[in-house]
Amino acid sequence: FVAAISWNGAETYYSDSIMKCRVTISRDNAENT
């Protein structure tokens, strides 16, 4: 597991050990991406 993001992008969660502080997850629902 690396990261996860809620359906609306309001919440994010990152792995404690894999790539924490080195990744940022985001989403653009208008682009379904």
All heavy atoms as atom14 arrays in JSON, in Angstrom:
{
  "sequence": "FVAAISWNGAETYYSDSIMKCRVTISRDNAENT",
  "atom14_mask": [
    [1, 1, 1, 1, 1, 1, 1, 1, 1, 1, 1, 0, 0, 0],
    [1, 1, 1, 1, 1, 1, 1, 0, 0, 0, 0, 0, 0, 0],
    [1, 1, 1, 1, 1, 0, 0, 0, 0, 0, 0, 0, 0, 0],
    [1, 1, 1, 1, 1, 0, 0, 0, 0, 0, 0, 0, 0, 0],
    [1, 1, 1, 1, 1, 1, 1, 1, 0, 0, 0, 0, 0, 0],
    [1, 1, 1, 1, 1, 1, 0, 0, 0, 0, 0, 0, 0, 0],
    [1, 1, 1, 1, 1, 1, 1, 1, 1, 1, 1, 1, 1, 1],
    [1, 1, 1, 1, 1, 1, 1, 1, 0, 0, 0, 0, 0, 0],
    [1, 1, 1, 1, 0, 0, 0, 0, 0, 0, 0, 0, 0, 0],
    [1, 1, 1, 1, 1, 0, 0, 0, 0, 0, 0, 0, 0, 0],
    [1, 1, 1, 1, 1, 1, 1, 1, 1, 0, 0, 0, 0, 0],
    [1, 1, 1, 1, 1, 1, 1, 0, 0, 0, 0, 0, 0, 0],
    [1, 1, 1, 1, 1, 1, 1, 1, 1, 1, 1, 1, 0, 0],
    [1, 1, 1, 1, 1, 1, 1, 1, 1, 1, 1, 1, 0, 0],
    [1, 1, 1, 1, 1, 1, 0, 0, 0, 0, 0, 0, 0, 0],
    [1, 1, 1, 1, 1, 1, 1, 1, 0, 0, 0, 0, 0, 0],
    [1, 1, 1, 1, 1, 1, 0, 0, 0, 0, 0, 0, 0, 0],
    [1, 1, 1, 1, 1, 1, 1, 1, 0, 0, 0, 0, 0, 0],
    [1, 1, 1, 1, 1, 1, 1, 1, 0, 0, 0, 0, 0, 0],
    [1, 1, 1, 1, 1, 1, 1, 1, 1, 0, 0, 0, 0, 0],
    [1, 1, 1, 1, 1, 1, 0, 0, 0, 0, 0, 0, 0, 0],
    [1, 1, 1, 1, 1, 1, 1, 1, 1, 1, 1, 0, 0, 0],
    [1, 1, 1, 1, 1, 1, 1, 0, 0, 0, 0, 0, 0, 0],
    [1, 1, 1, 1, 1, 1, 1, 0, 0, 0, 0, 0, 0, 0],
    [1, 1, 1, 1, 1, 1, 1, 1, 0, 0, 0, 0, 0, 0],
    [1, 1, 1, 1, 1, 1, 0, 0, 0, 0, 0, 0, 0, 0],
    [1, 1, 1, 1, 1, 1, 1, 1, 1, 1, 1, 0, 0, 0],
    [1, 1, 1, 1, 1, 1, 1, 1, 0, 0, 0, 0, 0, 0],
    [1, 1, 1, 1, 1, 1, 1, 1, 0, 0, 0, 0, 0, 0],
    [1, 1, 1, 1, 1, 0, 0, 0, 0, 0, 0, 0, 0, 0],
    [1, 1, 1, 1, 1, 1, 1, 1, 1, 0, 0, 0, 0, 0],
    [1, 1, 1, 1, 1, 1, 1, 1, 0, 0, 0, 0, 0, 0],
    [1, 1, 1, 1, 1, 1, 1, 0, 0, 0, 0, 0, 0, 0]
  ],
  "atom14_positions": [
    [[0.83, -1.2, 0.0], [0.0, 0.0, 0.0], [0.86, 1.25, 0.0], [1.83, 1.35, 0.76], [-0.92, 0.0, 1.22], [-1.69, 1.28, 1.38], [-2.78, 1.55, 0.58], [-1.32, 2.21, 2.34], [-3.5, 2.73, 0.73], [-2.02, 3.38, 2.5], [-3.11, 3.64, 1.68], [0.0, 0.0, 0.0], [0.0, 0.0, 0.0], [0.0, 0.0, 0.0]],
    [[0.49, 2.21, -0.83], [1.22, 3.46, -0.91], [0.37, 4.62, -0.39], [0.78, 5.35, 0.51], [1.68, 3.77, -2.35], [2.38, 5.12, -2.41], [2.6, 2.67, -2.84], [0.0, 0.0, 0.0], [0.0, 0.0, 0.0], [0.0, 0.0, 0.0], [0.0, 0.0, 0.0], [0.0, 0.0, 0.0], [0.0, 0.0, 0.0], [0.0, 0.0, 0.0]],
    [[-0.82, 4.78, -0.94], [-1.67, 5.91, -0.56], [-3.1, 5.66, -1.0], [-3.36, 4.85, -1.89], [-1.15, 7.21, -1.18], [0.0, 0.0, 0.0], [0.0, 0.0, 0.0], [0.0, 0.0, 0.0], [0.0, 0.0, 0.0], [0.0, 0.0, 0.0], [0.0, 0.0, 0.0], [0.0, 0.0, 0.0], [0.0, 0.0, 0.0], [0.0, 0.0, 0.0]],
    [[-4.02, 6.38, -0.37], [-5.43, 6.3, -0.74], [-6.06, 7.68, -0.61], [-5.57, 8.53, 0.13], [-6.17, 5.3, 0.13], [0.0, 0.0, 0.0], [0.0, 0.0, 0.0], [0.0, 0.0, 0.0], [0.0, 0.0, 0.0], [0.0, 0.0, 0.0], [0.0, 0.0, 0.0], [0.0, 0.0, 0.0], [0.0, 0.0, 0.0], [0.0, 0.0, 0.0]],
    [[-7.15, 7.87, -1.3], [-7.85, 9.15, -1.29], [-9.35, 8.91, -1.3], [-9.84, 7.99, -1.96], [-7.41, 10.03, -2.48], [-7.98, 11.44, -2.35], [-7.8, 9.38, -3.8], [-7.33, 12.43, -3.32], [0.0, 0.0, 0.0], [0.0, 0.0, 0.0], [0.0, 0.0, 0.0], [0.0, 0.0, 0.0], [0.0, 0.0, 0.0], [0.0, 0.0, 0.0]],
    [[-10.08, 9.72, -0.55], [-11.53, 9.57, -0.46], [-12.2, 9.94, -1.77], [-11.57, 10.51, -2.68], [-12.08, 10.42, 0.68], [-11.85, 11.81, 0.45], [0.0, 0.0, 0.0], [0.0, 0.0, 0.0], [0.0, 0.0, 0.0], [0.0, 0.0, 0.0], [0.0, 0.0, 0.0], [0.0, 0.0, 0.0], [0.0, 0.0, 0.0], [0.0, 0.0, 0.0]],
    [[-13.48, 9.65, -1.84], [-14.21, 9.83, -3.09], [-14.19, 11.27, -3.6], [-14.2, 11.5, -4.82], [-15.66, 9.37, -2.93], [-16.47, 10.29, -2.05], [-16.58, 10.25, -0.69], [-17.29, 11.38, -2.49], [-17.41, 11.26, -0.24], [-17.86, 11.96, -1.33], [-17.6, 11.91, -3.73], [-18.71, 13.06, -1.39], [-18.45, 13.01, -3.8], [-19.0, 13.57, -2.64]],
    [[-14.17, 12.23, -2.69], [-14.2, 13.63, -3.08], [-12.85, 14.32, -2.93], [-12.75, 15.53, -3.13], [-15.25, 14.38, -2.28], [-14.99, 14.36, -0.79], [-14.06, 13.7, -0.31], [-15.8, 15.09, -0.04], [0.0, 0.0, 0.0], [0.0, 0.0, 0.0], [0.0, 0.0, 0.0], [0.0, 0.0, 0.0], [0.0, 0.0, 0.0], [0.0, 0.0, 0.0]],
    [[-11.84, 13.56, -2.56], [-10.51, 14.13, -2.41], [-10.27, 14.86, -1.11], [-9.19, 15.43, -0.92], [0.0, 0.0, 0.0], [0.0, 0.0, 0.0], [0.0, 0.0, 0.0], [0.0, 0.0, 0.0], [0.0, 0.0, 0.0], [0.0, 0.0, 0.0], [0.0, 0.0, 0.0], [0.0, 0.0, 0.0], [0.0, 0.0, 0.0], [0.0, 0.0, 0.0]],
    [[-11.25, 14.86, -0.22], [-11.12, 15.59, 1.03], [-10.21, 14.92, 2.04], [-9.66, 15.58, 2.91], [-12.49, 15.81, 1.66], [0.0, 0.0, 0.0], [0.0, 0.0, 0.0], [0.0, 0.0, 0.0], [0.0, 0.0, 0.0], [0.0, 0.0, 0.0], [0.0, 0.0, 0.0], [0.0, 0.0, 0.0], [0.0, 0.0, 0.0], [0.0, 0.0, 0.0]],
    [[-10.07, 13.62, 1.94], [-9.25, 12.87, 2.87], [-8.2, 12.07, 2.12], [-8.48, 11.52, 1.05], [-10.1, 11.92, 3.71], [-11.16, 12.59, 4.55], [-12.02, 11.58, 5.28], [-11.6, 11.09, 6.34], [-13.11, 11.26, 4.76], [0.0, 0.0, 0.0], [0.0, 0.0, 0.0], [0.0, 0.0, 0.0], [0.0, 0.0, 0.0], [0.0, 0.0, 0.0]],
    [[-7.04, 12.0, 2.7], [-5.97, 11.18, 2.15], [-5.32, 10.36, 3.24], [-5.36, 10.73, 4.42], [-4.9, 12.04, 1.46], [-4.36, 12.98, 2.4], [-5.48, 12.8, 0.28], [0.0, 0.0, 0.0], [0.0, 0.0, 0.0], [0.0, 0.0, 0.0], [0.0, 0.0, 0.0], [0.0, 0.0, 0.0], [0.0, 0.0, 0.0], [0.0, 0.0, 0.0]],
    [[-4.72, 9.27, 2.85], [-4.03, 8.41, 3.79], [-2.8, 7.85, 3.11], [-2.85, 7.43, 1.95], [-4.92, 7.28, 4.3], [-4.2, 6.35, 5.23], [-3.93, 6.73, 6.54], [-3.74, 5.11, 4.81], [-3.24, 5.91, 7.4], [-3.04, 4.28, 5.66], [-2.8, 4.68, 6.96], [-2.11, 3.85, 7.81], [0.0, 0.0, 0.0], [0.0, 0.0, 0.0]],
    [[-1.7, 7.8, 3.86], [-0.44, 7.33, 3.31], [0.13, 6.2, 4.15], [-0.06, 6.15, 5.37], [0.58, 8.46, 3.24], [0.13, 9.6, 2.36], [-0.54, 10.7, 2.89], [0.38, 9.58, 0.99], [-0.96, 11.74, 2.07], [-0.04, 10.61, 0.17], [-0.71, 11.69, 0.72], [-1.13, 12.72, -0.09], [0.0, 0.0, 0.0], [0.0, 0.0, 0.0]],
    [[0.84, 5.33, 3.5], [1.55, 4.28, 4.21], [2.53, 4.88, 5.21], [3.15, 5.91, 4.93], [2.3, 3.38, 3.22], [3.18, 2.51, 3.89], [0.0, 0.0, 0.0], [0.0, 0.0, 0.0], [0.0, 0.0, 0.0], [0.0, 0.0, 0.0], [0.0, 0.0, 0.0], [0.0, 0.0, 0.0], [0.0, 0.0, 0.0], [0.0, 0.0, 0.0]],
    [[2.66, 4.23, 6.35], [3.58, 4.71, 7.37], [5.04, 4.45, 7.01], [5.94, 5.09, 7.56], [3.28, 4.06, 8.72], [2.02, 4.57, 9.35], [1.61, 5.72, 9.05], [1.41, 3.84, 10.15], [0.0, 0.0, 0.0], [0.0, 0.0, 0.0], [0.0, 0.0, 0.0], [0.0, 0.0, 0.0], [0.0, 0.0, 0.0], [0.0, 0.0, 0.0]],
    [[5.27, 3.52, 6.13], [6.64, 3.07, 5.91], [7.11, 3.02, 4.47], [8.3, 3.11, 4.2], [6.84, 1.69, 6.54], [5.96, 0.74, 5.97], [0.0, 0.0, 0.0], [0.0, 0.0, 0.0], [0.0, 0.0, 0.0], [0.0, 0.0, 0.0], [0.0, 0.0, 0.0], [0.0, 0.0, 0.0], [0.0, 0.0, 0.0], [0.0, 0.0, 0.0]],
    [[6.21, 2.87, 3.54], [6.63, 2.64, 2.16], [7.21, 3.88, 1.51], [8.38, 3.92, 1.13], [5.48, 2.07, 1.31], [4.97, 0.77, 1.93], [5.95, 1.82, -0.12], [6.03, -0.31, 2.06], [0.0, 0.0, 0.0], [0.0, 0.0, 0.0], [0.0, 0.0, 0.0], [0.0, 0.0, 0.0], [0.0, 0.0, 0.0], [0.0, 0.0, 0.0]],
    [[6.4, 4.91, 1.36], [6.87, 6.13, 0.71], [6.36, 7.39, 1.4], [6.2, 8.43, 0.77], [6.44, 6.16, -0.76], [7.0, 5.04, -1.62], [6.51, 5.15, -3.36], [7.53, 6.52, -3.91], [0.0, 0.0, 0.0], [0.0, 0.0, 0.0], [0.0, 0.0, 0.0], [0.0, 0.0, 0.0], [0.0, 0.0, 0.0], [0.0, 0.0, 0.0]],
    [[6.13, 7.28, 2.69], [5.6, 8.41, 3.44], [6.5, 9.63, 3.33], [7.71, 9.52, 3.42], [5.41, 8.03, 4.91], [4.66, 9.07, 5.71], [4.34, 8.58, 7.11], [3.52, 9.6, 7.88], [3.16, 9.1, 9.23], [0.0, 0.0, 0.0], [0.0, 0.0, 0.0], [0.0, 0.0, 0.0], [0.0, 0.0, 0.0], [0.0, 0.0, 0.0]],
    [[5.88, 10.77, 3.13], [6.55, 12.05, 2.97], [7.22, 12.2, 1.61], [7.86, 13.22, 1.34], [7.57, 12.31, 4.08], [6.87, 12.33, 5.73], [0.0, 0.0, 0.0], [0.0, 0.0, 0.0], [0.0, 0.0, 0.0], [0.0, 0.0, 0.0], [0.0, 0.0, 0.0], [0.0, 0.0, 0.0], [0.0, 0.0, 0.0], [0.0, 0.0, 0.0]],
    [[7.08, 11.2, 0.78], [7.65, 11.28, -0.56], [6.59, 11.15, -1.64], [6.94, 11.09, -2.82], [8.74, 10.23, -0.75], [9.93, 10.42, 0.17], [11.14, 9.6, -0.27], [10.89, 8.16, -0.18], [10.87, 7.34, -1.22], [11.05, 7.81, -2.44], [10.66, 6.04, -1.03], [0.0, 0.0, 0.0], [0.0, 0.0, 0.0], [0.0, 0.0, 0.0]],
    [[5.33, 11.1, -1.25], [4.25, 11.0, -2.23], [3.09, 11.89, -1.82], [2.86, 12.16, -0.64], [3.74, 9.55, -2.4], [4.8, 8.68, -3.04], [3.31, 8.98, -1.06], [0.0, 0.0, 0.0], [0.0, 0.0, 0.0], [0.0, 0.0, 0.0], [0.0, 0.0, 0.0], [0.0, 0.0, 0.0], [0.0, 0.0, 0.0], [0.0, 0.0, 0.0]],
    [[2.35, 12.34, -2.81], [1.13, 13.09, -2.59], [0.06, 12.54, -3.53], [0.26, 12.5, -4.74], [1.31, 14.59, -2.85], [2.29, 15.12, -1.96], [0.0, 15.33, -2.63], [0.0, 0.0, 0.0], [0.0, 0.0, 0.0], [0.0, 0.0, 0.0], [0.0, 0.0, 0.0], [0.0, 0.0, 0.0], [0.0, 0.0, 0.0], [0.0, 0.0, 0.0]],
    [[-1.05, 12.12, -2.96], [-2.14, 11.61, -3.77], [-3.19, 12.71, -3.92], [-3.46, 13.47, -3.0], [-2.75, 10.34, -3.15], [-3.76, 9.69, -4.12], [-3.4, 10.63, -1.81], [-4.22, 8.31, -3.67], [0.0, 0.0, 0.0], [0.0, 0.0, 0.0], [0.0, 0.0, 0.0], [0.0, 0.0, 0.0], [0.0, 0.0, 0.0], [0.0, 0.0, 0.0]],
    [[-3.78, 12.79, -5.09], [-4.81, 13.77, -5.36], [-5.74, 13.22, -6.43], [-5.46, 12.19, -7.05], [-4.2, 15.1, -5.81], [-3.45, 14.94, -7.01], [0.0, 0.0, 0.0], [0.0, 0.0, 0.0], [0.0, 0.0, 0.0], [0.0, 0.0, 0.0], [0.0, 0.0, 0.0], [0.0, 0.0, 0.0], [0.0, 0.0, 0.0], [0.0, 0.0, 0.0]],
    [[-6.85, 13.9, -6.64], [-7.76, 13.46, -7.69], [-8.51, 14.63, -8.29], [-8.71, 15.67, -7.65], [-8.74, 12.41, -7.15], [-9.79, 12.92, -6.17], [-10.58, 11.76, -5.55], [-11.24, 10.94, -6.56], [-11.73, 9.72, -6.35], [-11.61, 9.17, -5.13], [-12.33, 9.05, -7.33], [0.0, 0.0, 0.0], [0.0, 0.0, 0.0], [0.0, 0.0, 0.0]],
    [[-8.92, 14.44, -9.52], [-9.7, 15.42, -10.25], [-10.9, 14.67, -10.79], [-10.81, 13.99, -11.82], [-8.88, 16.03, -11.38], [-9.62, 17.12, -12.13], [-10.85, 17.24, -11.97], [-8.96, 17.87, -12.87], [0.0, 0.0, 0.0], [0.0, 0.0, 0.0], [0.0, 0.0, 0.0], [0.0, 0.0, 0.0], [0.0, 0.0, 0.0], [0.0, 0.0, 0.0]],
    [[-12.0, 14.77, -10.09], [-13.18, 14.0, -10.47], [-13.79, 14.45, -11.79], [-14.45, 13.67, -12.47], [-14.23, 14.06, -9.36], [-13.87, 13.2, -8.17], [-12.92, 12.42, -8.22], [-14.62, 13.34, -7.09], [0.0, 0.0, 0.0], [0.0, 0.0, 0.0], [0.0, 0.0, 0.0], [0.0, 0.0, 0.0], [0.0, 0.0, 0.0], [0.0, 0.0, 0.0]],
    [[-13.57, 15.7, -12.15], [-14.05, 16.18, -13.44], [-13.36, 15.44, -14.58], [-13.93, 15.29, -15.66], [-13.83, 17.68, -13.57], [0.0, 0.0, 0.0], [0.0, 0.0, 0.0], [0.0, 0.0, 0.0], [0.0, 0.0, 0.0], [0.0, 0.0, 0.0], [0.0, 0.0, 0.0], [0.0, 0.0, 0.0], [0.0, 0.0, 0.0], [0.0, 0.0, 0.0]],
    [[-12.14, 15.0, -14.33], [-11.39, 14.25, -15.32], [-11.36, 12.76, -15.01], [-10.71, 12.0, -15.74], [-9.97, 14.79, -15.41], [-9.88, 16.24, -15.87], [-10.31, 16.42, -17.3], [-10.13, 15.48, -18.1], [-10.84, 17.5, -17.64], [0.0, 0.0, 0.0], [0.0, 0.0, 0.0], [0.0, 0.0, 0.0], [0.0, 0.0, 0.0], [0.0, 0.0, 0.0]],
    [[-12.02, 12.36, -13.94], [-12.04, 10.96, -13.53], [-10.63, 10.4, -13.37], [-10.34, 9.27, -13.79], [-12.84, 10.11, -14.52], [-14.29, 10.51, -14.6], [-14.96, 10.64, -13.58], [-14.79, 10.71, -15.8], [0.0, 0.0, 0.0], [0.0, 0.0, 0.0], [0.0, 0.0, 0.0], [0.0, 0.0, 0.0], [0.0, 0.0, 0.0], [0.0, 0.0, 0.0]],
    [[-9.78, 11.19, -12.78], [-8.38, 10.83, -12.7], [-7.84, 11.0, -11.28], [-8.14, 11.97, -10.6], [-7.54, 11.68, -13.66], [-8.04, 11.51, -14.99], [-6.08, 11.26, -13.63], [0.0, 0.0, 0.0], [0.0, 0.0, 0.0], [0.0, 0.0, 0.0], [0.0, 0.0, 0.0], [0.0, 0.0, 0.0], [0.0, 0.0, 0.0], [0.0, 0.0, 0.0]]
  ]
}
